[in-house]
N, C-alpha and C. Protein backbone atom coordinates (compact mmCIF):
# COMPACT_ATOMS: atom_id res chain seq x y z
N MET A 1 12.75 -13.06 -43.84
CA MET A 1 14.08 -12.52 -43.78
C MET A 1 14.21 -11.66 -42.51
N VAL A 2 15.34 -11.76 -41.85
CA VAL A 2 15.59 -11.05 -40.61
C VAL A 2 16.05 -9.63 -40.92
N LYS A 3 15.40 -8.69 -40.22
CA LYS A 3 15.78 -7.30 -40.40
C LYS A 3 16.85 -6.96 -39.37
N ARG A 4 18.00 -6.62 -39.83
CA ARG A 4 19.10 -6.30 -38.94
C ARG A 4 19.00 -4.85 -38.50
N ARG A 5 19.12 -4.63 -37.20
CA ARG A 5 19.03 -3.28 -36.66
C ARG A 5 20.43 -2.76 -36.36
N GLU A 6 20.63 -1.54 -36.74
CA GLU A 6 21.91 -0.88 -36.48
C GLU A 6 21.71 0.14 -35.36
N PRO A 7 22.66 0.25 -34.44
CA PRO A 7 22.52 1.25 -33.37
C PRO A 7 22.57 2.66 -33.95
N LYS A 8 21.77 3.54 -33.34
CA LYS A 8 21.77 4.93 -33.78
C LYS A 8 23.09 5.57 -33.39
N ALA A 9 23.64 6.34 -34.31
CA ALA A 9 24.90 7.02 -34.04
C ALA A 9 24.65 8.23 -33.17
N LEU A 10 25.58 8.49 -32.25
CA LEU A 10 25.48 9.66 -31.41
C LEU A 10 25.73 10.89 -32.25
N THR A 11 24.93 11.91 -32.06
CA THR A 11 25.10 13.12 -32.86
C THR A 11 26.28 13.94 -32.37
N GLN A 12 26.54 13.92 -31.05
CA GLN A 12 27.71 14.64 -30.54
C GLN A 12 28.18 14.01 -29.25
N GLU A 13 29.42 14.10 -28.97
CA GLU A 13 30.01 13.61 -27.73
C GLU A 13 29.83 14.67 -26.66
N PRO A 14 29.59 14.25 -25.40
CA PRO A 14 29.49 15.27 -24.35
C PRO A 14 30.84 15.95 -24.12
N THR A 15 30.77 17.22 -23.78
CA THR A 15 32.00 17.97 -23.54
C THR A 15 32.53 17.64 -22.15
N ALA A 16 33.74 18.05 -21.87
CA ALA A 16 34.36 17.81 -20.56
C ALA A 16 33.57 18.52 -19.47
N GLU A 17 33.07 19.73 -19.77
CA GLU A 17 32.29 20.47 -18.78
C GLU A 17 30.98 19.74 -18.46
N GLN A 18 30.34 19.18 -19.47
CA GLN A 18 29.10 18.44 -19.26
C GLN A 18 29.35 17.19 -18.41
N ILE A 19 30.46 16.52 -18.68
CA ILE A 19 30.80 15.33 -17.90
C ILE A 19 31.06 15.70 -16.45
N GLU A 20 31.80 16.76 -16.21
CA GLU A 20 32.10 17.22 -14.85
C GLU A 20 30.82 17.63 -14.11
N ALA A 21 29.91 18.30 -14.80
CA ALA A 21 28.65 18.72 -14.18
C ALA A 21 27.81 17.51 -13.80
N PHE A 22 27.81 16.49 -14.66
CA PHE A 22 27.06 15.28 -14.38
C PHE A 22 27.64 14.56 -13.16
N VAL A 23 28.96 14.43 -13.11
CA VAL A 23 29.62 13.74 -12.00
C VAL A 23 29.41 14.51 -10.70
N ALA A 24 29.51 15.82 -10.73
CA ALA A 24 29.32 16.63 -9.53
C ALA A 24 27.89 16.49 -9.01
N GLY A 25 26.94 16.47 -9.91
CA GLY A 25 25.54 16.30 -9.49
C GLY A 25 25.30 14.93 -8.90
N ALA A 26 25.95 13.91 -9.43
CA ALA A 26 25.77 12.56 -8.92
C ALA A 26 26.41 12.39 -7.55
N GLU A 27 27.52 13.06 -7.31
CA GLU A 27 28.21 12.95 -6.03
C GLU A 27 27.47 13.70 -4.93
N ASP A 28 26.86 14.82 -5.26
CA ASP A 28 26.22 15.66 -4.26
C ASP A 28 24.80 15.23 -3.93
N GLY A 29 24.13 14.58 -4.84
CA GLY A 29 22.73 14.23 -4.64
C GLY A 29 22.55 13.07 -3.69
N PRO A 30 21.40 12.98 -3.03
CA PRO A 30 21.15 11.86 -2.11
C PRO A 30 20.93 10.56 -2.88
N LEU A 31 21.36 9.45 -2.30
CA LEU A 31 21.16 8.16 -2.93
C LEU A 31 19.71 7.71 -2.84
N ILE A 32 19.09 8.01 -1.69
CA ILE A 32 17.70 7.62 -1.46
C ILE A 32 16.88 8.90 -1.31
N PRO A 33 15.76 9.01 -2.01
CA PRO A 33 14.96 10.24 -1.86
C PRO A 33 14.50 10.41 -0.41
N GLN A 34 14.63 11.62 0.08
CA GLN A 34 14.23 11.92 1.45
C GLN A 34 12.76 12.28 1.48
N HIS A 35 12.04 11.76 2.49
CA HIS A 35 10.63 12.05 2.66
C HIS A 35 10.45 12.99 3.84
N LYS A 36 9.44 13.81 3.78
CA LYS A 36 9.15 14.70 4.89
C LYS A 36 8.64 13.88 6.07
N THR A 37 9.25 14.07 7.22
CA THR A 37 8.82 13.32 8.39
C THR A 37 7.69 14.02 9.13
N ASP A 38 7.53 15.34 8.91
CA ASP A 38 6.49 16.08 9.61
C ASP A 38 5.15 16.07 8.88
N ALA A 39 5.11 15.50 7.70
CA ALA A 39 3.87 15.46 6.92
C ALA A 39 2.90 14.45 7.52
N GLN A 40 1.63 14.83 7.60
CA GLN A 40 0.60 13.95 8.13
C GLN A 40 0.10 13.01 7.04
N PRO A 41 -0.16 11.75 7.37
CA PRO A 41 -0.72 10.85 6.36
C PRO A 41 -2.13 11.31 6.00
N PRO A 42 -2.58 11.00 4.79
CA PRO A 42 -3.93 11.44 4.40
C PRO A 42 -4.99 10.77 5.27
N ALA A 43 -6.04 11.49 5.55
CA ALA A 43 -7.13 10.95 6.36
C ALA A 43 -7.89 9.91 5.54
N LEU A 44 -8.23 8.80 6.18
CA LEU A 44 -8.95 7.73 5.50
C LEU A 44 -10.44 7.86 5.76
N ASN A 45 -11.23 7.58 4.74
CA ASN A 45 -12.68 7.65 4.85
C ASN A 45 -13.20 6.31 5.34
N GLN A 46 -13.84 6.30 6.50
CA GLN A 46 -14.34 5.04 7.05
C GLN A 46 -15.54 4.51 6.29
N ASN A 47 -16.16 5.33 5.46
CA ASN A 47 -17.32 4.90 4.67
C ASN A 47 -16.98 4.69 3.20
N ALA A 48 -15.70 4.54 2.89
CA ALA A 48 -15.27 4.37 1.50
C ALA A 48 -15.74 3.02 0.96
N ILE A 49 -15.73 2.89 -0.36
CA ILE A 49 -16.09 1.63 -1.01
C ILE A 49 -15.09 0.56 -0.60
N ARG A 50 -15.55 -0.64 -0.36
CA ARG A 50 -14.69 -1.72 0.12
C ARG A 50 -14.09 -2.49 -1.05
N ASP A 51 -13.15 -1.86 -1.74
CA ASP A 51 -12.48 -2.53 -2.84
C ASP A 51 -10.95 -2.46 -2.71
N TYR A 52 -10.47 -2.18 -1.50
CA TYR A 52 -9.04 -2.03 -1.27
C TYR A 52 -8.34 -3.38 -1.11
N LYS A 53 -8.81 -4.22 -0.23
CA LYS A 53 -8.21 -5.54 0.03
C LYS A 53 -9.32 -6.53 0.34
N ALA A 54 -9.05 -7.78 0.12
CA ALA A 54 -9.98 -8.85 0.47
C ALA A 54 -9.18 -9.96 1.16
N ILE A 55 -9.80 -10.57 2.18
CA ILE A 55 -9.14 -11.63 2.93
C ILE A 55 -10.07 -12.83 2.97
N ARG A 56 -9.51 -13.99 2.69
CA ARG A 56 -10.27 -15.23 2.82
C ARG A 56 -9.94 -15.81 4.18
N VAL A 57 -10.96 -15.98 5.01
CA VAL A 57 -10.75 -16.46 6.37
C VAL A 57 -11.40 -17.83 6.52
N PRO A 58 -10.61 -18.88 6.61
CA PRO A 58 -11.19 -20.20 6.81
C PRO A 58 -11.62 -20.40 8.27
N PHE A 59 -12.79 -21.00 8.48
CA PHE A 59 -13.31 -21.28 9.82
C PHE A 59 -13.47 -22.78 10.00
N ASN A 60 -13.34 -23.23 11.24
CA ASN A 60 -13.74 -24.61 11.51
C ASN A 60 -15.24 -24.60 11.81
N GLU A 61 -15.83 -25.76 12.01
CA GLU A 61 -17.27 -25.85 12.17
C GLU A 61 -17.76 -25.10 13.41
N TYR A 62 -17.02 -25.21 14.52
CA TYR A 62 -17.40 -24.53 15.75
C TYR A 62 -17.40 -23.01 15.57
N GLU A 63 -16.31 -22.48 14.98
CA GLU A 63 -16.21 -21.04 14.78
C GLU A 63 -17.32 -20.52 13.87
N HIS A 64 -17.63 -21.26 12.83
CA HIS A 64 -18.69 -20.84 11.91
C HIS A 64 -20.04 -20.85 12.62
N GLN A 65 -20.27 -21.85 13.45
CA GLN A 65 -21.53 -21.92 14.19
C GLN A 65 -21.65 -20.73 15.14
N GLN A 66 -20.56 -20.38 15.83
CA GLN A 66 -20.57 -19.24 16.74
C GLN A 66 -20.80 -17.93 15.96
N LEU A 67 -20.21 -17.83 14.79
CA LEU A 67 -20.41 -16.65 13.95
C LEU A 67 -21.86 -16.53 13.53
N GLU A 68 -22.48 -17.63 13.14
CA GLU A 68 -23.89 -17.61 12.74
C GLU A 68 -24.78 -17.18 13.91
N ILE A 69 -24.55 -17.76 15.08
CA ILE A 69 -25.37 -17.42 16.26
C ILE A 69 -25.21 -15.94 16.60
N ALA A 70 -23.97 -15.48 16.65
CA ALA A 70 -23.71 -14.09 17.03
C ALA A 70 -24.28 -13.12 16.00
N SER A 71 -24.17 -13.44 14.72
CA SER A 71 -24.69 -12.53 13.70
C SER A 71 -26.22 -12.49 13.74
N GLN A 72 -26.87 -13.63 14.03
CA GLN A 72 -28.33 -13.63 14.14
C GLN A 72 -28.78 -12.85 15.36
N LEU A 73 -28.08 -13.00 16.49
CA LEU A 73 -28.44 -12.27 17.70
C LEU A 73 -28.24 -10.76 17.55
N SER A 74 -27.24 -10.37 16.79
CA SER A 74 -26.96 -8.95 16.62
C SER A 74 -27.75 -8.33 15.47
N GLY A 75 -28.38 -9.16 14.65
CA GLY A 75 -29.13 -8.65 13.51
C GLY A 75 -28.25 -8.16 12.38
N ARG A 76 -27.05 -8.68 12.31
CA ARG A 76 -26.09 -8.29 11.27
C ARG A 76 -25.81 -9.49 10.37
N THR A 77 -25.27 -9.19 9.19
CA THR A 77 -24.80 -10.28 8.35
C THR A 77 -23.50 -10.80 8.95
N LYS A 78 -23.07 -11.96 8.51
CA LYS A 78 -21.83 -12.53 9.05
C LYS A 78 -20.64 -11.61 8.75
N LEU A 79 -20.58 -11.12 7.53
CA LEU A 79 -19.47 -10.25 7.15
C LEU A 79 -19.51 -8.94 7.93
N ASN A 80 -20.69 -8.37 8.09
CA ASN A 80 -20.82 -7.13 8.84
C ASN A 80 -20.47 -7.36 10.30
N PHE A 81 -20.83 -8.50 10.85
CA PHE A 81 -20.50 -8.81 12.24
C PHE A 81 -18.98 -8.91 12.42
N ILE A 82 -18.30 -9.53 11.47
CA ILE A 82 -16.84 -9.64 11.55
C ILE A 82 -16.22 -8.26 11.52
N ARG A 83 -16.68 -7.40 10.59
CA ARG A 83 -16.15 -6.03 10.51
C ARG A 83 -16.41 -5.27 11.82
N TYR A 84 -17.64 -5.37 12.31
CA TYR A 84 -18.02 -4.67 13.54
C TYR A 84 -17.13 -5.12 14.70
N ALA A 85 -16.96 -6.42 14.86
CA ALA A 85 -16.15 -6.94 15.97
C ALA A 85 -14.69 -6.51 15.83
N MET A 86 -14.16 -6.52 14.62
CA MET A 86 -12.78 -6.12 14.40
C MET A 86 -12.59 -4.64 14.74
N LEU A 87 -13.50 -3.78 14.28
CA LEU A 87 -13.39 -2.35 14.56
C LEU A 87 -13.56 -2.05 16.04
N LYS A 88 -14.47 -2.74 16.69
CA LYS A 88 -14.70 -2.53 18.12
C LYS A 88 -13.47 -2.93 18.93
N LEU A 89 -12.90 -4.09 18.64
CA LEU A 89 -11.71 -4.53 19.35
C LEU A 89 -10.52 -3.63 19.08
N ALA A 90 -10.37 -3.19 17.83
CA ALA A 90 -9.25 -2.29 17.49
C ALA A 90 -9.37 -0.97 18.25
N LYS A 91 -10.59 -0.45 18.36
CA LYS A 91 -10.81 0.81 19.10
C LYS A 91 -10.49 0.63 20.57
N GLU A 92 -10.93 -0.48 21.17
CA GLU A 92 -10.65 -0.75 22.58
C GLU A 92 -9.15 -0.86 22.83
N MET A 93 -8.44 -1.53 21.95
CA MET A 93 -7.00 -1.71 22.11
C MET A 93 -6.27 -0.38 21.99
N GLN A 94 -6.72 0.49 21.08
CA GLN A 94 -6.08 1.80 20.91
C GLN A 94 -6.33 2.69 22.13
N GLU A 95 -7.50 2.58 22.72
CA GLU A 95 -7.79 3.38 23.91
C GLU A 95 -6.96 2.92 25.11
N GLU A 96 -6.68 1.61 25.21
CA GLU A 96 -5.86 1.08 26.30
C GLU A 96 -4.39 1.50 26.14
N GLY A 97 -3.90 1.48 24.89
CA GLY A 97 -2.48 1.72 24.64
C GLY A 97 -2.09 3.10 24.45
């Protein structure tokens, strides 16, 4: 058997003063919350656990072979070599710009 639900009755109607106060607050308030522009973003820890994002990077055979050679020559794992190269290039680009 279906249980029929009845809407709860309002205990009291808002007064005219309450309605005017609500409307005045809605008209005066900002539509979009304002953010502080002078606030500094939080400092990021470069040694934090790597669980923020993951990227799948497909390689062709040539690129994978070059990655293997470079990682063996540098004594790094393939993933560590990719991270190292990305951070090194990003630092160089920031110093130039």
